[in-house]
Amino acid sequence: MKRTVLAVVTVLATSAALIQPVQAGGHAKSLRSVAPRDLRIGTAVAGGGHHLDQPYPDPFTYDKPYRRVLAKEFNSASPENQMKWEFIHPERNKYNFGPADAIVKFARQNGQVVRGHTLLWHSQNPAWLNEGTFTKAELRQILKSHIFTVVGRYKGKIQQWDVANEIFNENGEYRSENIWIRELGPGIIADAFRWAHQADPKAQLFLNDYGVEWPGVKVDAYEALAKQLLADRVPLHGFASQAHLSMRYGAPDQLAGVLQRFDDLGLKTAITELDVRMDLPEGGAPTAEQLATQASYYKTTLDACLAVAGCNSFTIWGFTDKYSWVPVFFPAEGAATVMWDDFTKKPAYYTLRDTLAAARR
């Protein structure tokens, strides 16, 4: 996701009710219940980031119906913003673990794995880091300490980590705005993976980016990097496509081929942040045709994952329009998730469920 100005707050509400298993009447006919047993079905857990500027309290903490759906439908959870640097590490010598702790405990209570997001990124870094004056040695130690502290805290509780996030631009070049790569050189990527592995040897460690749903120079850059990291015996375990899609562009009908390239390297693959935004008609309600097209985009993306043996994690970036990031960052677009504000289901939801059920047979 793109950067948002974040006023750091510490969420203290971690009541017993929040972290207890959610009684959702079982998992009958849920996405998680019909999915193939080797495929985790996940969602982003709303909170932090743009939510802090919205006229509602923290969704995960205070919206019980939201948590009920979260527990029923999904067996993988990705903190949307709660593990990003500016939220979890707001001051150089201060960490804000409460919200992430609550998500991890909720997930464990409800039979869910957790995807950690993210350790090395150019965006949503705290002001003390972006505006600080550090030597290269100090900056390197800051990153190392952060990774050991955060990954180490959740050792054994995180299935997959997005270690390096969005490190290439659309030309397949390293992003100049990435403080870590700009100041320390691209070798810091390998270091980040090694440190994360040392902090939690059982966690699967991923490269993650958007705009890699079609072949091109960006995918080529990731493939070259992956080959080099593997040749250098760096503990890289996977490559992930975020799949933030827009109906202004075509469905990702070449995604399976992209994922297969990394599967051929012996890496796991994943879909990590899928949503499908659209231009809304006057009045704000999508047409039936738009909803059908949206469902087809979701299906195309899921089909790509199902077609690749090592794609074992499929995550949508939020499940209700009520808390979607899309209208905040793309004001002309919206309705990007599989449920309406009141958690009733769109055609995209049923298409995902039917496709998962068919794949399980």
Protein backbone atom coordinates (compact mmCIF):
# COMPACT_ATOMS: atom_id res chain seq x y z
CA MET A 1 0.00 0.00 0.00
CA LYS A 2 1.06 3.57 -0.60
CA ARG A 3 2.16 5.91 2.13
CA THR A 4 -0.27 7.69 4.41
CA VAL A 5 0.52 10.24 7.09
CA LEU A 6 0.25 8.35 10.34
CA ALA A 7 -0.21 9.88 13.74
CA VAL A 8 1.14 7.24 16.06
CA VAL A 9 -1.27 6.11 18.71
CA THR A 10 -0.99 3.23 21.09
CA VAL A 11 -4.09 1.09 21.16
CA LEU A 12 -4.51 -0.18 24.68
CA ALA A 13 -7.78 -2.02 24.35
CA THR A 14 -6.70 -5.65 24.46
CA SER A 15 -9.55 -6.89 26.56
CA ALA A 16 -10.31 -10.53 27.19
CA ALA A 17 -13.23 -10.31 24.76
CA LEU A 18 -10.91 -9.14 21.98
CA ILE A 19 -8.51 -12.05 22.17
CA GLN A 20 -10.92 -14.87 22.89
CA PRO A 21 -12.00 -17.21 20.10
CA VAL A 22 -14.89 -15.75 18.14
CA GLN A 23 -17.98 -17.93 18.18
CA ALA A 24 -19.11 -17.75 14.59
CA GLY A 25 -21.29 -20.80 14.37
CA GLY A 26 -18.47 -22.91 12.96
CA HIS A 27 -16.86 -22.56 9.56
CA ALA A 28 -19.54 -24.14 7.37
CA LYS A 29 -19.49 -22.77 3.84
CA SER A 30 -16.83 -20.21 4.67
CA LEU A 31 -13.90 -19.54 2.40
CA ARG A 32 -11.52 -21.28 4.77
CA SER A 33 -13.74 -24.35 5.07
CA VAL A 34 -13.97 -25.07 1.35
CA ALA A 35 -10.38 -24.25 0.38
CA PRO A 36 -7.83 -26.93 -0.49
CA ARG A 37 -6.12 -28.04 2.71
CA ASP A 38 -2.69 -26.86 1.59
CA LEU A 39 -3.85 -23.32 0.74
CA ARG A 40 -4.22 -20.63 3.39
CA ILE A 41 -6.99 -18.09 2.76
CA GLY A 42 -6.17 -14.75 4.30
CA THR A 43 -7.14 -11.13 4.72
CA ALA A 44 -5.59 -7.93 5.93
CA VAL A 45 -6.65 -7.02 9.48
CA ALA A 46 -7.89 -3.42 9.39
CA GLY A 47 -6.12 -0.89 11.59
CA GLY A 48 -3.44 1.80 11.66
CA GLY A 49 -2.52 3.76 8.54
CA HIS A 50 -5.45 5.55 6.94
CA HIS A 51 -7.85 4.21 9.57
CA LEU A 52 -6.46 6.64 12.15
CA ASP A 53 -7.89 9.55 10.16
CA GLN A 54 -11.34 8.03 9.66
CA PRO A 55 -14.49 8.76 11.73
CA TYR A 56 -14.56 5.34 13.39
CA PRO A 57 -12.56 3.66 16.15
CA ASP A 58 -9.95 1.00 15.45
CA PRO A 59 -11.84 -1.68 13.46
CA PHE A 60 -10.17 -4.77 14.87
CA THR A 61 -10.42 -3.55 18.45
CA TYR A 62 -13.99 -2.28 18.50
CA ASP A 63 -15.99 -3.88 15.68
CA LYS A 64 -17.19 -7.24 16.99
CA PRO A 65 -19.14 -8.22 13.83
CA TYR A 66 -15.98 -7.51 11.86
CA ARG A 67 -13.96 -9.85 14.08
CA ARG A 68 -16.66 -12.51 13.78
CA VAL A 69 -16.38 -12.53 9.97
CA LEU A 70 -12.58 -12.38 10.20
CA ALA A 71 -12.55 -15.53 12.33
CA LYS A 72 -15.13 -17.43 10.30
CA GLU A 73 -13.92 -16.80 6.77
CA PHE A 74 -10.12 -16.81 6.98
CA ASN A 75 -7.31 -18.98 8.31
CA SER A 76 -4.54 -16.46 7.64
CA ALA A 77 -4.28 -12.88 8.92
CA SER A 78 -2.01 -10.04 7.76
CA PRO A 79 -1.76 -6.94 9.97
CA GLU A 80 -2.63 -4.18 7.51
CA ASN A 81 -0.49 -1.48 9.12
CA GLN A 82 0.12 -2.64 12.68
CA MET A 83 3.56 -4.13 11.94
CA LYS A 84 4.79 -1.37 9.63
CA TRP A 85 7.68 0.68 10.92
CA GLU A 86 5.92 3.95 11.74
CA PHE A 87 3.25 2.13 13.75
CA ILE A 88 5.23 -0.55 15.57
CA HIS A 89 8.45 1.50 16.01
CA PRO A 90 7.27 5.12 16.47
CA GLU A 91 10.37 6.30 18.34
CA ARG A 92 13.94 5.10 18.08
CA ASN A 93 13.90 3.46 21.50
CA LYS A 94 10.18 2.72 21.73
CA TYR A 95 8.04 -0.03 20.22
CA ASN A 96 4.24 -0.16 20.06
CA PHE A 97 3.51 -3.89 20.20
CA GLY A 98 0.00 -3.87 21.69
CA PRO A 99 -2.09 -3.94 18.48
CA ALA A 100 0.13 -6.51 16.75
CA ASP A 101 0.17 -8.67 19.89
CA ALA A 102 -3.63 -8.65 19.93
CA ILE A 103 -3.85 -9.75 16.28
CA VAL A 104 -1.34 -12.56 16.78
CA LYS A 105 -3.18 -13.83 19.86
CA PHE A 106 -6.55 -13.61 18.09
CA ALA A 107 -5.14 -15.57 15.17
CA ARG A 108 -3.78 -18.31 17.39
CA GLN A 109 -7.08 -18.57 19.26
CA ASN A 110 -8.99 -18.91 15.99
CA GLY A 111 -6.78 -21.38 14.15
CA GLN A 112 -5.18 -18.80 11.88
CA VAL A 113 -1.60 -18.30 10.76
CA VAL A 114 -0.14 -14.79 10.51
CA ARG A 115 1.74 -13.08 7.69
CA GLY A 116 4.15 -10.44 8.98
CA HIS A 117 4.21 -7.21 6.96
CA THR A 118 6.82 -5.67 6.51
CA LEU A 119 10.53 -5.30 7.48
CA LEU A 120 12.35 -3.37 4.73
CA TRP A 121 10.30 -0.80 2.81
CA HIS A 122 10.60 2.73 1.46
CA SER A 123 7.19 3.85 2.77
CA GLN A 124 5.45 4.35 6.12
CA ASN A 125 8.70 4.83 7.97
CA PRO A 126 8.69 7.02 11.12
CA ALA A 127 9.86 10.63 11.06
CA TRP A 128 12.74 9.89 13.43
CA LEU A 129 14.14 7.52 10.81
CA ASN A 130 13.41 9.56 7.68
CA GLU A 131 14.60 12.84 9.17
CA GLY A 132 17.44 11.53 11.30
CA THR A 133 21.15 11.94 10.61
CA PHE A 134 22.84 8.57 10.91
CA THR A 135 26.12 7.09 9.84
CA LYS A 136 25.96 4.03 7.63
CA ALA A 137 26.99 1.88 10.57
CA GLU A 138 24.23 3.37 12.74
CA LEU A 139 21.60 2.90 10.04
CA ARG A 140 22.63 -0.70 9.53
CA GLN A 141 22.42 -1.35 13.27
CA ILE A 142 18.97 0.29 13.44
CA LEU A 143 17.62 -2.10 10.79
CA LYS A 144 19.29 -5.13 12.32
CA SER A 145 17.99 -4.30 15.78
CA HIS A 146 14.46 -3.70 14.45
CA ILE A 147 14.37 -7.03 12.64
CA PHE A 148 15.71 -9.01 15.58
CA THR A 149 13.34 -7.24 17.97
CA VAL A 150 10.16 -7.57 15.90
CA VAL A 151 10.74 -10.96 14.29
CA GLY A 152 12.14 -12.31 17.53
CA ARG A 153 9.10 -11.19 19.51
CA TYR A 154 6.83 -13.27 17.28
CA LYS A 155 9.18 -16.22 16.82
CA GLY A 156 7.16 -19.34 16.08
CA LYS A 157 3.95 -17.30 15.63
CA ILE A 158 4.43 -15.91 12.11
CA GLN A 159 4.15 -18.26 9.13
CA GLN A 160 5.47 -15.86 6.48
CA TRP A 161 7.24 -12.47 6.54
CA ASP A 162 7.32 -9.89 3.76
CA VAL A 163 10.98 -9.09 4.34
CA ALA A 164 11.69 -6.85 1.34
CA ASN A 165 8.66 -4.92 0.09
CA GLU A 166 8.37 -2.94 -3.17
CA ILE A 167 12.12 -2.55 -3.67
CA PHE A 168 12.02 -2.06 -7.46
CA ASN A 169 10.37 0.75 -9.44
CA GLU A 170 8.44 0.22 -12.66
CA ASN A 171 11.70 0.29 -14.66
CA GLY A 172 13.14 -2.61 -12.69
CA GLU A 173 15.57 -0.36 -10.83
CA TYR A 174 16.03 -0.12 -7.09
CA ARG A 175 13.85 2.62 -5.64
CA SER A 176 15.90 5.72 -4.86
CA GLU A 177 13.47 6.59 -2.05
CA ASN A 178 14.29 3.39 -0.17
CA ILE A 179 16.47 4.67 2.67
CA TRP A 180 18.03 1.28 3.32
CA ILE A 181 19.10 0.51 -0.24
CA ARG A 182 20.02 4.13 -1.04
CA GLU A 183 22.27 4.54 1.99
CA LEU A 184 23.57 1.01 2.48
CA GLY A 185 23.46 -0.47 -1.02
CA PRO A 186 21.45 -3.43 -2.36
CA GLY A 187 23.51 -5.87 -0.29
CA ILE A 188 21.37 -4.86 2.70
CA ILE A 189 18.53 -6.93 1.20
CA ALA A 190 20.46 -10.16 1.76
CA ASP A 191 21.38 -9.01 5.26
CA ALA A 192 17.72 -8.39 6.09
CA PHE A 193 16.80 -11.92 5.04
CA ARG A 194 19.68 -13.40 7.03
CA TRP A 195 18.76 -11.44 10.15
CA ALA A 196 15.09 -12.40 9.88
CA HIS A 197 16.07 -16.05 9.50
CA GLN A 198 18.34 -15.88 12.53
CA ALA A 199 15.54 -14.30 14.55
CA ASP A 200 13.01 -16.99 13.51
CA PRO A 201 14.48 -19.94 11.59
CA LYS A 202 11.04 -21.46 10.92
CA ALA A 203 9.41 -18.41 9.30
CA GLN A 204 9.10 -18.34 5.50
CA LEU A 205 10.72 -15.18 4.10
CA PHE A 206 9.34 -13.41 1.02
CA LEU A 207 9.95 -10.75 -1.57
CA ASN A 208 6.67 -8.85 -2.10
CA ASP A 209 5.51 -6.25 -4.64
CA TYR A 210 2.67 -4.87 -6.73
CA GLY A 211 2.76 -4.53 -10.51
CA VAL A 212 4.24 -8.01 -10.98
CA GLU A 213 1.08 -9.63 -12.26
CA TRP A 214 2.33 -9.50 -15.88
CA PRO A 215 5.76 -10.29 -17.33
CA GLY A 216 8.04 -7.29 -17.68
CA VAL A 217 11.22 -5.63 -16.48
CA LYS A 218 10.03 -5.53 -12.88
CA VAL A 219 9.43 -9.27 -12.81
CA ASP A 220 12.76 -9.78 -14.58
CA ALA A 221 14.49 -7.76 -11.87
CA TYR A 222 12.93 -9.88 -9.12
CA GLU A 223 13.85 -13.10 -10.90
CA ALA A 224 17.47 -11.97 -11.27
CA LEU A 225 17.59 -10.91 -7.62
CA ALA A 226 16.04 -14.18 -6.46
CA LYS A 227 18.57 -16.19 -8.43
CA GLN A 228 21.44 -14.18 -6.96
CA LEU A 229 20.15 -14.50 -3.40
CA LEU A 230 19.70 -18.23 -3.80
CA ALA A 231 23.16 -18.58 -5.33
CA ASP A 232 24.55 -16.73 -2.31
CA ARG A 233 22.69 -19.12 0.01
CA VAL A 234 20.51 -16.33 1.39
CA PRO A 235 17.42 -17.73 3.19
CA LEU A 236 14.86 -16.56 0.63
CA HIS A 237 11.79 -18.80 0.61
CA GLY A 238 9.19 -17.08 -1.52
CA PHE A 239 8.01 -14.45 -3.98
CA ALA A 240 4.62 -12.75 -3.66
CA SER A 241 2.36 -10.71 -5.92
CA GLN A 242 0.27 -8.15 -4.06
CA ALA A 243 -2.32 -8.01 -6.86
CA HIS A 244 -3.84 -4.60 -6.16
CA LEU A 245 -5.94 -4.55 -9.34
CA SER A 246 -8.06 -1.97 -11.13
CA MET A 247 -10.80 -2.64 -13.65
CA ARG A 248 -9.31 0.20 -15.69
CA TYR A 249 -6.83 -2.43 -16.82
CA GLY A 250 -7.15 -6.02 -17.94
CA ALA A 251 -7.42 -9.05 -15.70
CA PRO A 252 -4.04 -10.60 -14.76
CA ASP A 253 -4.27 -13.45 -17.23
CA GLN A 254 -0.49 -14.03 -17.28
CA LEU A 255 -0.05 -14.19 -13.53
CA ALA A 256 0.23 -17.98 -13.40
CA GLY A 257 3.20 -17.81 -15.73
CA VAL A 258 4.89 -15.20 -13.55
CA LEU A 259 4.40 -17.26 -10.41
CA GLN A 260 5.63 -20.38 -12.18
CA ARG A 261 8.95 -18.69 -12.95
CA PHE A 262 9.62 -18.39 -9.23
CA ASP A 263 8.20 -21.83 -8.49
CA ASP A 264 10.76 -23.16 -10.98
CA LEU A 265 13.47 -21.64 -8.78
CA GLY A 266 12.23 -23.72 -5.88
CA LEU A 267 10.47 -20.81 -4.16
CA LYS A 268 7.04 -20.69 -2.63
CA THR A 269 4.66 -18.15 -4.13
CA ALA A 270 1.69 -16.23 -2.75
CA ILE A 271 -1.00 -13.67 -3.49
CA THR A 272 -0.76 -11.23 -0.62
CA GLU A 273 -2.92 -8.10 -1.09
CA LEU A 274 -5.65 -8.75 -3.65
CA ASP A 275 -8.41 -6.24 -4.22
CA VAL A 276 -10.17 -5.11 -7.40
CA ARG A 277 -11.19 -1.47 -7.53
CA MET A 278 -13.55 0.09 -10.08
CA ASP A 279 -14.79 3.47 -11.27
CA LEU A 280 -18.15 3.95 -9.60
CA PRO A 281 -21.17 5.36 -11.45
CA GLU A 282 -22.84 8.54 -10.23
CA GLY A 283 -24.53 7.61 -6.99
CA GLY A 284 -21.74 5.29 -5.96
CA ALA A 285 -23.39 1.90 -6.56
CA PRO A 286 -21.63 -0.54 -8.91
CA THR A 287 -23.66 -1.98 -11.76
CA ALA A 288 -24.38 -5.70 -12.04
CA GLU A 289 -21.99 -5.83 -14.99
CA GLN A 290 -19.21 -4.22 -12.94
CA LEU A 291 -19.73 -6.68 -10.10
CA ALA A 292 -19.57 -9.59 -12.54
CA THR A 293 -16.36 -8.24 -14.06
CA GLN A 294 -14.87 -7.75 -10.62
CA ALA A 295 -15.69 -11.34 -9.74
CA SER A 296 -13.91 -12.51 -12.88
CA TYR A 297 -10.75 -10.61 -11.86
CA TYR A 298 -10.81 -12.25 -8.44
CA LYS A 299 -11.26 -15.65 -10.08
CA THR A 300 -8.44 -15.09 -12.57
CA THR A 301 -6.08 -14.28 -9.70
CA LEU A 302 -7.15 -17.26 -7.61
CA ASP A 303 -6.92 -19.56 -10.63
CA ALA A 304 -3.32 -18.42 -11.13
CA CYS A 305 -2.43 -19.36 -7.58
CA LEU A 306 -4.20 -22.70 -7.82
CA ALA A 307 -2.33 -23.49 -11.04
CA VAL A 308 1.10 -23.22 -9.39
CA ALA A 309 2.11 -26.01 -7.02
CA GLY A 310 4.02 -23.81 -4.58
CA CYS A 311 1.36 -21.10 -4.21
CA ASN A 312 0.19 -21.87 -0.68
CA SER A 313 -1.16 -18.52 0.54
CA PHE A 314 -3.96 -16.40 -0.98
CA THR A 315 -4.77 -13.13 0.80
CA ILE A 316 -7.30 -10.43 -0.02
CA TRP A 317 -6.53 -6.92 1.24
CA GLY A 318 -9.53 -6.53 3.48
CA PHE A 319 -12.93 -8.09 2.99
CA THR A 320 -15.38 -5.21 3.50
CA ASP A 321 -15.69 -1.87 1.71
CA LYS A 322 -16.36 -0.34 5.12
CA TYR A 323 -12.64 -0.35 5.88
CA SER A 324 -11.05 -0.47 2.42
CA TRP A 325 -7.99 1.68 1.79
CA VAL A 326 -8.96 2.21 -1.86
CA PRO A 327 -11.30 5.26 -1.66
CA VAL A 328 -8.74 7.09 0.50
CA PHE A 329 -5.93 6.68 -2.05
CA PHE A 330 -7.99 6.39 -5.26
CA PRO A 331 -10.92 8.80 -4.72
CA ALA A 332 -12.46 8.05 -8.13
CA GLU A 333 -12.50 4.30 -7.50
CA GLY A 334 -13.94 2.02 -4.86
CA ALA A 335 -16.03 -1.08 -4.04
CA ALA A 336 -12.81 -3.10 -4.20
CA THR A 337 -13.51 -5.86 -1.70
CA VAL A 338 -15.74 -8.96 -1.64
CA MET A 339 -18.30 -7.63 0.88
CA TRP A 340 -20.40 -4.52 1.33
CA ASP A 341 -20.17 -2.29 4.40
CA ASP A 342 -22.64 -4.50 6.29
CA PHE A 343 -20.68 -7.69 5.47
CA THR A 344 -23.22 -8.98 2.97
CA LYS A 345 -21.45 -10.76 0.12
CA LYS A 346 -20.79 -9.63 -3.42
CA PRO A 347 -20.59 -11.91 -6.47
CA ALA A 348 -16.79 -11.90 -6.06
CA TYR A 349 -17.12 -13.63 -2.70
CA TYR A 350 -19.27 -16.45 -4.09
CA THR A 351 -16.98 -16.81 -7.09
CA LEU A 352 -13.98 -17.26 -4.79
CA ARG A 353 -15.88 -19.76 -2.66
CA ASP A 354 -17.06 -21.81 -5.62
CA THR A 355 -13.59 -21.82 -7.18
CA LEU A 356 -11.98 -22.94 -3.92
CA ALA A 357 -14.58 -25.67 -3.45
CA ALA A 358 -14.04 -26.98 -6.98
CA ALA A 359 -10.26 -27.03 -6.43
CA ARG A 360 -10.64 -29.05 -3.26
CA ARG A 361 -12.48 -31.92 -4.93
